[in-house]
Protein backbone atom coordinates (compact mmCIF):
# COMPACT_ATOMS: atom_id res chain seq x y z
CA MET A 1 0.00 0.00 0.00
CA GLY A 2 3.07 2.24 -0.46
CA PRO A 3 3.05 5.29 -2.74
CA THR A 4 4.79 3.76 -5.77
CA PRO A 5 2.56 0.68 -6.29
CA TRP A 6 -0.55 2.76 -5.68
CA GLY A 7 0.61 5.44 -8.09
CA GLN A 8 1.31 2.91 -10.79
CA ARG A 9 -2.04 1.22 -10.35
CA HIS A 10 -4.21 4.31 -10.01
CA GLY A 11 -2.38 6.79 -12.19
CA VAL A 12 -1.07 9.24 -9.60
CA ASN A 13 2.20 11.11 -9.87
CA ALA A 14 4.67 12.08 -7.17
CA MET A 15 2.92 15.43 -6.76
CA GLY A 16 -0.17 13.62 -5.47
CA SER A 17 -2.27 14.47 -8.57
CA LEU A 18 -3.59 12.11 -11.23
CA LEU A 19 -1.21 11.57 -14.13
CA ALA A 20 -1.54 13.77 -17.19
CA PRO A 21 -2.86 12.35 -20.47
CA HIS A 22 -0.40 10.55 -22.73
CA GLY A 23 1.71 12.99 -24.70
CA MET A 24 2.16 15.70 -22.07
CA ASP A 25 5.82 16.32 -21.37
CA ALA A 26 7.51 15.25 -18.14
CA GLU A 27 7.62 18.74 -16.67
CA ALA A 28 3.92 19.27 -17.27
CA ARG A 29 3.08 15.87 -15.79
CA THR A 30 5.03 16.67 -12.65
CA ALA A 31 3.44 20.09 -12.35
CA GLY A 32 -0.18 19.02 -12.85
CA ARG A 33 -1.67 21.66 -15.11
CA GLY A 34 1.78 22.74 -16.16
CA THR A 35 2.02 25.51 -13.60
CA GLN A 36 1.21 23.60 -10.41
CA ALA A 37 4.79 23.27 -9.19
CA ALA A 38 5.48 26.97 -9.65
CA THR A 39 2.22 27.82 -7.90
CA VAL A 40 3.09 25.54 -4.99
CA ARG A 41 6.55 27.07 -4.59
CA GLN A 42 5.14 30.58 -4.77
CA ASN A 43 2.37 29.88 -2.28
CA ARG A 44 4.58 27.96 0.09
CA ALA A 45 6.91 30.95 0.25
CA GLY A 46 3.91 33.15 0.94
CA TRP A 47 2.75 31.00 3.84
CA GLU A 48 6.17 30.64 5.42
CA GLU A 49 7.06 34.34 5.21
CA ARG A 50 4.10 35.41 7.30
CA GLY A 51 5.43 38.89 8.07
CA ARG A 52 5.70 39.91 4.41
CA GLN A 53 3.06 42.16 2.86
CA PRO A 54 1.28 40.84 -0.28
CA ARG A 55 2.74 41.99 -3.56
CA CYS A 56 0.76 44.53 -5.63
CA ARG A 57 -0.90 42.31 -8.18
CA ALA A 58 -4.42 41.57 -9.30
CA ASP A 59 -4.36 37.80 -8.74
CA ARG A 60 -3.34 36.73 -5.24
CA SER A 61 -4.97 33.35 -5.73
CA LEU A 62 -3.85 31.15 -2.86
CA GLU A 63 -1.48 33.61 -1.23
CA PRO A 64 -2.92 34.57 2.17
CA ALA A 65 -3.03 38.16 3.24
CA ALA A 66 -0.02 38.89 5.40
CA PRO A 67 -0.43 40.37 8.87
CA ARG A 68 -0.62 44.16 8.76
CA ARG A 69 2.32 45.93 10.34
CA ARG A 70 1.60 47.87 13.45
CA LEU A 71 2.98 51.31 12.67
CA ALA A 72 2.61 54.37 14.79
CA VAL A 73 1.61 56.30 11.69
CA ALA A 74 -0.85 53.68 10.37
CA SER A 75 -3.79 56.05 10.42
CA VAL A 76 -1.87 58.69 8.51
CA ALA A 77 -0.80 56.17 5.88
CA MET A 78 -4.39 55.11 5.39
CA ALA A 79 -5.32 58.67 4.54
CA ALA A 80 -2.70 58.88 1.79
CA PRO A 81 -3.42 57.72 -1.78
CA ARG A 82 -3.00 53.95 -2.12
CA ARG A 83 0.07 52.87 -4.06
CA CYS A 84 2.42 49.94 -4.25
CA LEU A 85 5.38 50.33 -1.91
CA GLY A 86 7.43 47.52 -3.38
CA SER A 87 7.47 43.78 -3.01
CA HIS A 88 7.92 43.98 0.74
CA GLY A 89 5.04 46.34 1.35
CA GLY A 90 7.16 49.36 2.28
CA ASP A 91 8.89 50.17 5.55
CA VAL A 92 8.31 52.53 8.42
CA ALA A 93 10.39 55.30 6.82
CA SER A 94 8.47 55.19 3.55
CA VAL A 95 5.11 55.40 5.27
CA ALA A 96 6.35 58.15 7.59
CA MET A 97 7.53 60.23 4.60
CA ALA A 98 4.13 59.84 2.96
CA ALA A 99 2.46 60.86 6.19
CA ALA A 100 4.68 63.96 6.53
CA ALA A 101 3.94 65.03 2.97
CA LEU A 102 0.24 64.62 3.58
CA THR A 103 0.33 66.57 6.84
CA SER A 104 2.05 69.53 5.17
CA ARG A 105 -0.91 69.84 2.79
CA VAL A 106 -3.70 69.92 5.34
CA SER A 107 -4.77 72.44 7.89
CA MET A 108 -3.57 72.42 11.46
CA ALA A 109 -7.04 71.39 12.63
CA ALA A 110 -7.17 68.40 10.30
CA ALA A 111 -3.66 67.40 11.34
CA GLY A 112 -4.68 67.53 14.97
CA LEU A 113 -7.62 65.22 14.31
CA LEU A 114 -5.39 62.91 12.33
CA TRP A 115 -2.85 62.51 15.11
CA LEU A 116 -5.66 62.00 17.60
CA ALA A 117 -6.79 59.04 15.46
CA VAL A 118 -3.24 57.74 15.52
CA ALA A 119 -3.16 57.89 19.31
CA VAL A 120 -6.53 56.17 19.71
CA GLY A 121 -6.00 53.63 16.89
CA PRO A 122 -3.86 51.09 18.75
CA VAL A 123 -6.35 51.03 21.62
CA LEU A 124 -9.23 50.20 19.25
CA ALA A 125 -7.30 47.70 17.14
CA ALA A 126 -8.57 44.11 17.12
CA PRO A 127 -6.44 41.61 19.05
CA ARG A 128 -3.92 39.57 17.09
CA TYR A 129 -4.03 35.84 17.65
CA ARG A 130 -0.79 33.90 17.93
CA PRO A 131 -0.32 30.51 16.25
CA ASP A 132 -0.67 28.59 19.51
CA TRP A 133 -3.67 26.99 21.19
CA ALA A 134 -3.60 29.22 24.25
CA SER A 135 -4.18 32.26 22.05
CA LEU A 136 -6.48 30.68 19.46
CA ASP A 137 -8.73 29.02 22.03
CA ALA A 138 -9.30 32.42 23.67
CA ARG A 139 -11.05 33.78 20.56
CA PRO A 140 -14.76 34.37 21.26
CA LEU A 141 -17.04 32.23 19.15
CA PRO A 142 -19.02 34.38 16.68
CA ALA A 143 -22.55 34.69 18.07
CA TRP A 144 -24.36 33.50 14.96
CA PHE A 145 -23.34 29.88 15.50
CA ASP A 146 -24.86 29.45 18.94
CA GLN A 147 -28.00 31.26 17.80
CA ALA A 148 -28.42 29.07 14.70
CA LYS A 149 -28.84 25.74 16.54
CA VAL A 150 -29.91 23.70 13.48
CA GLY A 151 -27.85 22.76 10.43
CA VAL A 152 -27.80 20.26 7.58
CA PHE A 153 -24.72 18.19 6.71
CA VAL A 154 -24.21 16.99 3.11
CA HIS A 155 -21.84 14.10 2.29
CA TRP A 156 -21.32 14.00 -1.48
CA GLY A 157 -18.42 12.77 -3.55
CA VAL A 158 -17.09 9.95 -5.73
CA PHE A 159 -18.21 7.53 -2.99
CA SER A 160 -21.76 8.37 -4.12
CA VAL A 161 -21.11 6.35 -7.31
CA PRO A 162 -20.78 2.83 -5.84
CA ALA A 163 -23.31 4.00 -3.22
CA TRP A 164 -22.74 0.92 -1.11
CA GLY A 165 -21.45 0.32 2.39
CA SER A 166 -20.51 3.86 3.34
CA GLU A 167 -18.52 6.91 2.27
CA TRP A 168 -15.43 4.97 3.39
CA PHE A 169 -15.91 2.65 0.39
CA TRP A 170 -12.41 3.15 -1.05
CA TRP A 171 -10.69 2.44 2.27
CA HIS A 172 -12.76 -0.65 3.06
CA TRP A 173 -12.19 -1.94 -0.46
CA GLN A 174 -8.51 -1.24 -1.12
CA GLY A 175 -7.19 -0.18 2.27
CA GLU A 176 -8.59 -3.04 4.34
CA HIS A 177 -9.36 -5.40 1.41
CA ARG A 178 -12.63 -6.43 2.96
CA ALA A 179 -14.09 -9.42 1.20
CA ASP A 180 -17.64 -8.01 1.01
CA TYR A 181 -16.41 -4.88 -0.77
CA GLU A 182 -14.25 -6.88 -3.17
CA ARG A 183 -17.21 -9.12 -4.01
CA PHE A 184 -19.38 -6.07 -4.60
CA VAL A 185 -16.94 -4.57 -7.11
CA GLN A 186 -16.37 -7.89 -8.87
CA SER A 187 -20.12 -8.42 -9.27
CA ARG A 188 -20.94 -4.89 -10.45
CA TYR A 189 -17.96 -3.60 -12.43
CA PRO A 190 -15.50 -4.80 -15.10
CA PRO A 191 -12.26 -6.54 -14.09
CA ASP A 192 -9.38 -4.28 -13.06
CA THR A 193 -11.78 -1.48 -12.10
CA ALA A 194 -10.01 1.23 -10.11
CA TYR A 195 -11.65 3.70 -7.74
CA THR A 196 -10.69 6.53 -10.07
CA ASP A 197 -12.93 4.93 -12.71
CA PHE A 198 -15.92 6.00 -10.62
CA ALA A 199 -15.20 9.72 -11.02
CA PRO A 200 -16.65 10.16 -14.55
CA ARG A 201 -19.88 8.58 -13.26
CA PHE A 202 -20.19 11.23 -10.56
CA THR A 203 -22.25 13.36 -12.93
CA ALA A 204 -24.44 15.61 -10.74
CA HIS A 205 -26.78 15.76 -13.76
CA ASP A 206 -29.82 16.52 -11.59
CA PHE A 207 -28.14 18.82 -9.08
CA GLN A 208 -30.11 22.04 -8.67
CA ALA A 209 -28.45 24.19 -6.02
CA ARG A 210 -31.47 26.45 -5.50
CA GLU A 211 -33.76 23.46 -4.98
CA TRP A 212 -31.39 22.16 -2.32
CA ALA A 213 -31.31 25.56 -0.64
CA GLN A 214 -35.11 25.77 -0.62
CA LEU A 215 -35.35 22.30 0.89
CA PHE A 216 -32.84 23.13 3.61
CA GLN A 217 -34.65 26.37 4.35
CA ARG A 218 -37.96 24.53 4.72
CA ALA A 219 -36.18 22.06 7.02
CA GLY A 220 -35.39 24.92 9.38
CA ALA A 221 -31.63 24.83 8.81
CA ARG A 222 -29.77 28.03 9.63
CA TYR A 223 -26.49 26.69 8.23
CA VAL A 224 -25.41 23.97 5.79
CA VAL A 225 -22.07 22.13 5.67
CA LEU A 226 -20.97 20.53 2.36
CA THR A 227 -18.15 18.03 1.93
CA THR A 228 -15.74 19.92 -0.30
CA LYS A 229 -13.23 17.06 0.00
CA HIS A 230 -13.55 13.77 1.87
CA HIS A 231 -10.71 11.37 2.71
CA GLU A 232 -10.71 10.12 -0.90
CA GLY A 233 -9.14 13.42 -1.94
CA PHE A 234 -11.64 14.31 -4.69
CA THR A 235 -12.54 18.00 -4.47
CA ASN A 236 -15.99 19.36 -5.29
CA TRP A 237 -14.44 22.50 -6.72
CA GLY A 238 -11.59 23.16 -9.13
CA SER A 239 -8.77 22.83 -6.64
CA PRO A 240 -5.55 24.02 -8.31
CA VAL A 241 -3.57 21.30 -6.53
CA SER A 242 -5.89 18.38 -7.27
CA TRP A 243 -5.37 18.16 -11.02
CA ASN A 244 -7.84 15.84 -12.80
CA TRP A 245 -9.26 14.73 -9.42
CA ASN A 246 -11.85 17.47 -8.96
CA SER A 247 -15.38 18.27 -10.08
CA LEU A 248 -14.30 20.71 -12.79
CA ASP A 249 -11.84 18.43 -14.58
CA THR A 250 -13.95 15.25 -14.43
CA GLY A 251 -17.39 14.03 -13.41
CA PRO A 252 -19.81 16.96 -13.20
CA HIS A 253 -17.43 19.51 -14.78
CA ARG A 254 -19.04 22.01 -12.41
CA ASP A 255 -18.02 24.03 -9.37
CA LEU A 256 -20.33 22.31 -6.89
CA VAL A 257 -18.97 24.22 -3.90
CA GLY A 258 -19.51 27.57 -5.58
CA GLU A 259 -22.99 26.79 -6.90
CA LEU A 260 -24.35 25.64 -3.56
CA GLY A 261 -22.72 28.51 -1.71
CA GLN A 262 -24.37 31.07 -3.94
CA ALA A 263 -27.79 29.43 -3.61
CA LEU A 264 -27.55 29.20 0.18
CA ARG A 265 -26.62 32.85 0.54
CA GLU A 266 -29.55 33.84 -1.65
CA SER A 267 -31.70 32.00 0.91
CA ASN A 268 -29.92 33.68 3.84
CA ILE A 269 -28.43 30.40 5.07
CA ARG A 270 -24.90 30.30 6.47
CA TYR A 271 -22.41 28.21 4.49
CA GLY A 272 -19.97 25.73 5.96
CA VAL A 273 -17.28 23.71 4.17
CA TYR A 274 -16.20 20.26 5.33
CA HIS A 275 -12.56 19.54 4.46
CA SER A 276 -10.48 16.45 5.22
CA LEU A 277 -6.88 17.15 6.18
CA LEU A 278 -5.67 13.69 5.16
CA GLU A 279 -6.14 11.68 1.96
CA TRP A 280 -5.98 7.92 2.38
CA PHE A 281 -3.93 7.06 -0.69
CA ASN A 282 -2.19 10.27 -1.72
CA PRO A 283 1.50 9.37 -2.31
CA LEU A 284 2.67 12.58 -0.66
CA TYR A 285 0.67 11.78 2.47
CA LEU A 286 1.83 8.17 2.53
CA ALA A 287 5.46 9.31 2.23
CA ASP A 288 5.03 11.81 5.08
CA LYS A 289 3.37 9.12 7.16
CA GLU A 290 6.23 6.71 6.48
CA SER A 291 8.68 9.35 7.74
CA GLY A 292 6.79 9.52 11.02
CA PHE A 293 5.34 12.86 9.89
CA LYS A 294 8.77 14.47 10.02
CA THR A 295 8.31 15.64 6.42
CA GLN A 296 5.42 17.91 5.41
CA ASN A 297 5.27 17.67 1.63
CA PHE A 298 1.58 16.77 1.62
CA VAL A 299 0.66 19.61 3.96
CA LEU A 300 2.62 22.24 2.05
CA LYS A 301 1.66 21.10 -1.43
CA LYS A 302 -1.91 19.88 -0.92
CA THR A 303 -3.73 20.45 2.37
CA MET A 304 -2.80 24.05 3.09
CA PRO A 305 -3.13 25.30 -0.50
CA GLU A 306 -6.67 23.90 -0.57
CA LEU A 307 -7.68 25.42 2.77
CA TYR A 308 -6.46 28.87 1.75
CA ASP A 309 -8.15 28.47 -1.63
CA LEU A 310 -11.49 27.55 -0.03
CA VAL A 311 -11.40 30.56 2.27
CA LEU A 312 -10.33 33.09 -0.34
CA LYS A 313 -12.68 31.83 -3.06
CA TYR A 314 -15.84 31.05 -1.12
CA LYS A 315 -15.53 33.00 2.15
CA PRO A 316 -17.23 30.30 4.25
CA ASP A 317 -18.98 30.99 7.53
CA LEU A 318 -17.75 27.68 8.96
CA ILE A 319 -14.85 25.29 8.38
CA TRP A 320 -15.63 21.72 9.43
CA SER A 321 -12.21 20.08 9.59
CA ASP A 322 -11.75 16.31 9.65
CA GLY A 323 -9.12 13.68 8.89
CA ASP A 324 -6.91 14.89 11.71
CA TRP A 325 -6.46 11.76 13.80
CA GLU A 326 -3.16 10.36 12.55
CA ALA A 327 -0.79 13.31 12.93
CA PRO A 328 0.05 16.06 15.46
CA GLU A 329 -0.47 19.79 15.01
CA SER A 330 3.23 20.24 14.27
CA TYR A 331 2.63 18.28 11.07
CA TRP A 332 -0.65 19.84 9.99
CA ASN A 333 0.41 23.47 10.68
CA SER A 334 -3.13 23.98 11.97
CA THR A 335 -2.33 26.78 14.38
CA SER A 336 -0.60 28.83 11.69
CA PHE A 337 -3.58 28.49 9.40
CA LEU A 338 -6.05 29.37 12.16
CA ALA A 339 -4.01 32.43 13.19
CA TRP A 340 -4.22 33.68 9.59
CA LEU A 341 -7.91 32.80 9.46
CA TYR A 342 -8.67 34.78 12.64
CA ASN A 343 -6.31 37.70 11.95
CA ASP A 344 -6.22 38.42 8.24
CA SER A 345 -8.65 36.32 6.23
CA PRO A 346 -11.73 37.89 4.60
CA VAL A 347 -13.93 36.03 7.11
CA LYS A 348 -11.86 36.72 10.23
CA ASP A 349 -14.75 38.25 12.19
CA THR A 350 -17.46 35.73 11.32
CA VAL A 351 -15.86 32.35 10.63
CA VAL A 352 -16.41 29.42 12.99
CA VAL A 353 -14.30 26.25 13.15
CA ASN A 354 -14.63 22.91 14.90
CA ASP A 355 -12.04 20.92 16.88
CA ARG A 356 -10.57 18.40 14.42
CA TRP A 357 -7.20 19.97 13.69
CA CYS A 358 -4.72 17.43 15.10
CA ASN A 359 -4.59 14.00 16.67
CA ASN A 360 -5.22 15.29 20.20
CA CYS A 361 -7.36 18.33 19.43
CA SER A 362 -10.87 16.88 19.57
CA CYS A 363 -12.75 18.06 22.64
CA HIS A 364 -9.73 20.19 23.62
CA HIS A 365 -8.92 22.83 21.00
CA GLY A 366 -10.73 24.78 18.30
CA GLY A 367 -13.76 27.01 18.01
CA TYR A 368 -16.50 24.60 19.08
CA TYR A 369 -16.26 20.91 19.90
CA ASN A 370 -17.50 17.87 17.94
CA CYS A 371 -15.55 15.45 20.14
CA ALA A 372 -16.79 12.44 18.13
CA ASP A 373 -19.40 11.57 15.54
CA LYS A 374 -22.88 11.50 17.09
CA TYR A 375 -21.43 12.75 20.37
CA LYS A 376 -23.82 12.96 23.34
CA PRO A 377 -22.29 14.50 26.46
CA GLY A 378 -24.98 13.40 28.94
CA THR A 379 -24.50 16.57 31.00
CA LEU A 380 -24.18 20.28 30.24
CA PRO A 381 -20.68 20.90 28.82
CA ALA A 382 -18.74 24.03 29.68
CA HIS A 383 -17.78 24.58 26.02
CA LYS A 384 -19.96 25.15 22.96
CA TRP A 385 -20.44 21.92 21.03
CA GLU A 386 -22.23 20.35 18.08
CA MET A 387 -23.78 16.95 17.54
CA CYS A 388 -23.54 15.64 13.98
CA SER A 389 -25.98 12.88 13.17
CA SER A 390 -27.19 11.15 10.02
CA ILE A 391 -30.66 10.16 8.84
CA ASP A 392 -29.08 6.96 7.51
CA LYS A 393 -27.83 5.39 10.73
CA LEU A 394 -25.22 3.25 8.92
CA SER A 395 -23.64 5.76 6.56
CA TRP A 396 -23.02 9.44 5.91
CA GLY A 397 -22.88 8.98 2.15
CA TYR A 398 -25.80 7.75 0.04
CA ARG A 399 -26.44 3.96 -0.04
CA SER A 400 -28.69 2.56 -2.74
CA ASN A 401 -29.48 -0.52 -0.60
CA MET A 402 -30.56 1.21 2.61
CA SER A 403 -33.78 0.00 4.27
CA ILE A 404 -36.39 1.95 6.18
CA ALA A 405 -35.38 0.25 9.43
CA GLU A 406 -31.89 1.71 9.04
CA LEU A 407 -33.18 5.31 8.91
CA MET A 408 -34.01 7.69 11.72
CA ASP A 409 -37.72 8.46 12.01
CA GLU A 410 -39.22 11.85 12.79
CA ALA A 411 -39.52 11.14 16.52
CA SER A 412 -35.86 10.14 16.94
CA ILE A 413 -34.66 13.20 14.99
CA ILE A 414 -36.70 15.55 17.15
CA GLU A 415 -35.57 13.78 20.32
CA GLU A 416 -31.90 14.19 19.34
CA LEU A 417 -32.44 17.84 18.45
CA VAL A 418 -34.20 18.66 21.73
CA GLN A 419 -31.66 16.88 23.92
CA THR A 420 -28.76 18.48 22.06
CA VAL A 421 -30.10 22.03 22.33
CA SER A 422 -31.05 21.54 26.00
CA PHE A 423 -27.40 20.71 26.67
CA GLY A 424 -26.28 23.83 24.80
CA GLY A 425 -25.30 22.15 21.54
CA ASN A 426 -26.07 22.62 17.85
CA TYR A 427 -27.66 19.84 15.82
CA LEU A 428 -26.19 19.03 12.39
CA LEU A 429 -28.33 16.46 10.53
CA ASN A 430 -26.79 14.68 7.55
CA VAL A 431 -28.14 13.58 4.18
CA GLY A 432 -26.24 11.88 1.36
CA PRO A 433 -27.27 12.82 -2.19
CA THR A 434 -27.03 10.42 -5.13
CA LYS A 435 -24.28 10.64 -7.75
CA GLU A 436 -26.74 12.57 -9.92
CA GLY A 437 -27.29 15.17 -7.20
CA VAL A 438 -30.70 14.02 -5.97
CA ILE A 439 -31.68 14.10 -2.30
CA VAL A 440 -33.95 11.07 -2.28
CA PRO A 441 -37.60 11.54 -1.22
CA ILE A 442 -37.26 9.69 2.11
CA PHE A 443 -34.51 12.11 3.16
CA GLN A 444 -36.58 15.05 1.96
CA GLU A 445 -39.56 13.79 3.96
CA ARG A 446 -37.49 13.59 7.15
CA LEU A 447 -36.08 17.10 6.63
CA LEU A 448 -39.52 18.57 5.92
CA ALA A 449 -40.96 16.88 9.03
CA LEU A 450 -38.24 18.52 11.08
CA GLY A 451 -39.05 21.85 9.47
CA ARG A 452 -42.76 21.56 10.27
CA TRP A 453 -41.93 20.84 13.90
CA LEU A 454 -39.64 23.85 14.04
CA ASP A 455 -42.31 26.05 12.47
CA THR A 456 -44.31 25.50 15.65
CA ASN A 457 -41.63 24.94 18.27
CA GLY A 458 -38.66 26.89 16.90
CA GLU A 459 -39.15 29.62 19.48
CA ALA A 460 -37.84 27.16 22.08
CA ILE A 461 -34.86 26.19 19.91
CA TYR A 462 -33.37 29.09 17.94
CA GLU A 463 -31.31 31.57 19.98
CA SER A 464 -32.14 29.67 23.17
CA LYS A 465 -29.83 29.02 26.11
CA PRO A 466 -29.60 26.08 28.51
CA TRP A 467 -31.70 26.55 31.62
CA ARG A 468 -30.48 25.83 35.15
CA VAL A 469 -32.04 22.37 34.75
CA GLN A 470 -31.75 20.55 31.45
CA MET A 471 -34.31 17.78 32.02
CA GLU A 472 -36.83 16.67 34.57
CA ASN A 473 -35.35 14.62 37.39
CA SER A 474 -37.90 11.84 37.09
CA THR A 475 -37.89 11.39 33.31
CA ASP A 476 -35.84 11.90 30.15
CA THR A 477 -38.91 12.85 28.14
CA VAL A 478 -39.12 16.47 29.35
CA TRP A 479 -36.32 18.89 28.42
CA TYR A 480 -35.76 22.58 29.12
CA THR A 481 -34.42 25.59 27.24
CA SER A 482 -34.66 29.28 28.04
CA LYS A 483 -34.56 32.82 26.66
CA GLY A 484 -33.94 35.40 29.35
CA PRO A 485 -36.66 34.97 32.01
CA VAL A 486 -38.77 32.68 29.79
CA VAL A 487 -38.47 28.92 30.26
CA TYR A 488 -39.56 26.32 27.71
CA ALA A 489 -40.45 22.75 28.69
CA ILE A 490 -40.41 20.41 25.70
CA PHE A 491 -42.12 17.09 26.36
CA LEU A 492 -41.63 14.21 23.94
CA ILE A 493 -44.54 12.02 25.05
CA TRP A 494 -48.10 13.29 25.50
CA PRO A 495 -49.07 12.62 29.14
CA ARG A 496 -52.07 10.55 30.11
CA GLY A 497 -55.09 12.51 31.15
CA ASN A 498 -53.68 15.60 29.39
CA VAL A 499 -51.91 16.62 32.61
CA LEU A 500 -48.24 17.59 32.59
CA GLU A 501 -46.39 17.61 35.91
CA LEU A 502 -43.17 19.64 36.14
CA SER A 503 -41.15 19.49 39.34
CA SER A 504 -38.23 21.73 38.35
CA PRO A 505 -39.81 25.17 37.78
CA THR A 506 -40.83 27.18 40.83
CA PRO A 507 -44.08 29.07 40.08
CA SER A 508 -45.15 32.47 41.41
CA PRO A 509 -48.46 34.36 41.49
CA ALA A 510 -47.41 36.00 38.21
CA THR A 511 -46.76 32.71 36.41
CA GLN A 512 -48.33 32.32 32.98
CA VAL A 513 -48.34 29.09 30.96
CA SER A 514 -49.02 28.74 27.25
CA MET A 515 -48.37 26.14 24.59
CA LEU A 516 -46.59 26.88 21.33
CA GLY A 517 -48.99 26.38 18.45
CA PHE A 518 -52.09 26.92 20.62
CA ALA A 519 -53.83 30.22 21.28
CA GLY A 520 -54.43 31.49 24.79
CA THR A 521 -53.08 30.41 28.16
CA LEU A 522 -53.26 27.07 29.95
CA LYS A 523 -54.62 26.34 33.41
CA TRP A 524 -52.09 25.36 36.03
CA GLN A 525 -51.85 24.88 39.75
CA LYS A 526 -49.05 24.55 42.23
CA SER A 527 -47.99 20.98 42.84
CA PRO A 528 -48.50 19.60 46.38
CA GLY A 529 -44.78 18.88 46.50
CA LYS A 530 -42.88 21.30 44.30
CA GLY A 531 -43.29 22.58 40.79
CA LEU A 532 -46.60 22.89 39.00
CA VAL A 533 -49.29 20.81 37.30
CA ILE A 534 -50.46 21.98 33.87
CA THR A 535 -53.73 21.06 32.18
CA LEU A 536 -53.03 20.60 28.48
CA PRO A 537 -55.46 21.06 25.58
CA TYR A 538 -57.68 18.08 24.86
CA VAL A 539 -56.36 15.93 22.02
CA LEU A 540 -58.88 13.89 20.04
CA PRO A 541 -58.19 10.14 19.89
CA SER A 542 -56.53 9.07 16.65
CA PRO A 543 -55.51 5.71 15.18
CA LEU A 544 -52.32 7.38 14.01
CA PRO A 545 -49.41 7.95 16.41
CA PRO A 546 -49.26 11.57 17.56
CA GLN A 547 -46.51 13.93 16.50
CA SER A 548 -43.38 13.99 18.62
CA GLY A 549 -42.58 16.90 20.88
CA TRP A 550 -44.67 19.76 22.22
CA THR A 551 -43.58 22.88 24.06
CA VAL A 552 -45.10 24.74 27.00
CA LYS A 553 -43.87 28.28 27.55
CA LEU A 554 -43.42 29.26 31.19
CA GLU A 555 -43.29 32.93 32.18
CA GLY A 556 -42.80 34.10 35.74
CA VAL A 557 -41.10 30.95 37.05
CA LYS A 558 -37.74 30.40 38.68
């Protein structure tokens, strides 16, 4: 499973990109599109020389913006006409000379105001984050994420072509050589089929970004996270360092990341990008791994160029990192990237990241915590977190052979959502589209059911905070959230006799009780022990099971 045999079998060169067509010269093959090597060298220099100002040029492509110098005359320089000060961005003397020339041409009053701005400027300047966890972890999480509460996860890639087993198809087949995967390929595809042969069949013929956005909006999602690159390495945009292994060069021949991002923003939905740090079979990664991660060729030539490209091209609201578990931060250069992201990127004030940035980062470092797939803390965590779950309980990617018993029903989705939000988390629910770009009707039905529930009960979910008690002591079917003085009790099972007993809230003479989705107030009385007893609206008997989850709104309780 070393880099050379894999490269020979699957057509991958030493740069980690698929081999060029027959007839391209050796230099072009090594460089990908013919300019890849030069681009990599140029960008690598840009990332390593972090103190250098960007050169004056129209196309900065993957080169990150360099940290701005802190000059005493910064405000004066900003007032001067913009011009290129050379490849190193100018020095203190150059800027000071420009400032002096400007000052001589303005009135004494204007000059006084200008120097006042200079004096106040450093005090008002945003903090600079260092490339270490102590500094990065101190960054406040942008408020929009905690307020959003509900998101949709989308796993889509070349793994959607075999659509069998899971999105880890390639690894189970050719990494672990599992017999069931080998039998599947032998029975469905021609002899000597390679995983790369699936890419042209990843067509996205039926992908309509605006239809997806409308569906996610109706589902109540406030943000959406798309897999821009999974562990297979295929990118859903035209990555300049993934030649011939991306959605522009093969398969759909479309910028899937860009199309969905535009549609989501038209629907006022925040956009997140999932990105895997590692690639299972990339020769550069395998060589770095064999060195004990003492070399960083894969990081410098593949992972980091793609992360900078994603940020600069698409300006995401969220970066959902993954594929971190095999190597330390010193290999991934995660803290350097995050320092740039927080200090100088175009999304520095709004972007949110998760915790999968190195092999010991999960649940310890990052913006918010995932900890593990389908993580359930059981108690109220001290740090903001997110639960990612999937409608298909056995896979994140689409499976053509899934059965109804293997899918989450409406009740289990709502239960997970309510428990997650009560414990202060966000809920990210996954669907896997087909290779043609269709979200199958059963997934749509589940998303729309969630949206209908949120239409009625969203007041208790969006922008809520955990209450002093997260669930009733005697049962796990009643959960609490709050907004300021208002408390919401969400009960998952309709009580017998239409009477709901709550022991945790302490009522007062001013207490008012209502039910979301019902007009007017509800009758209540103080419980003989503690808490209160609420008389719910009468529900007519029905042969069908009732909906899952109702919310009573409590005002004037402690």
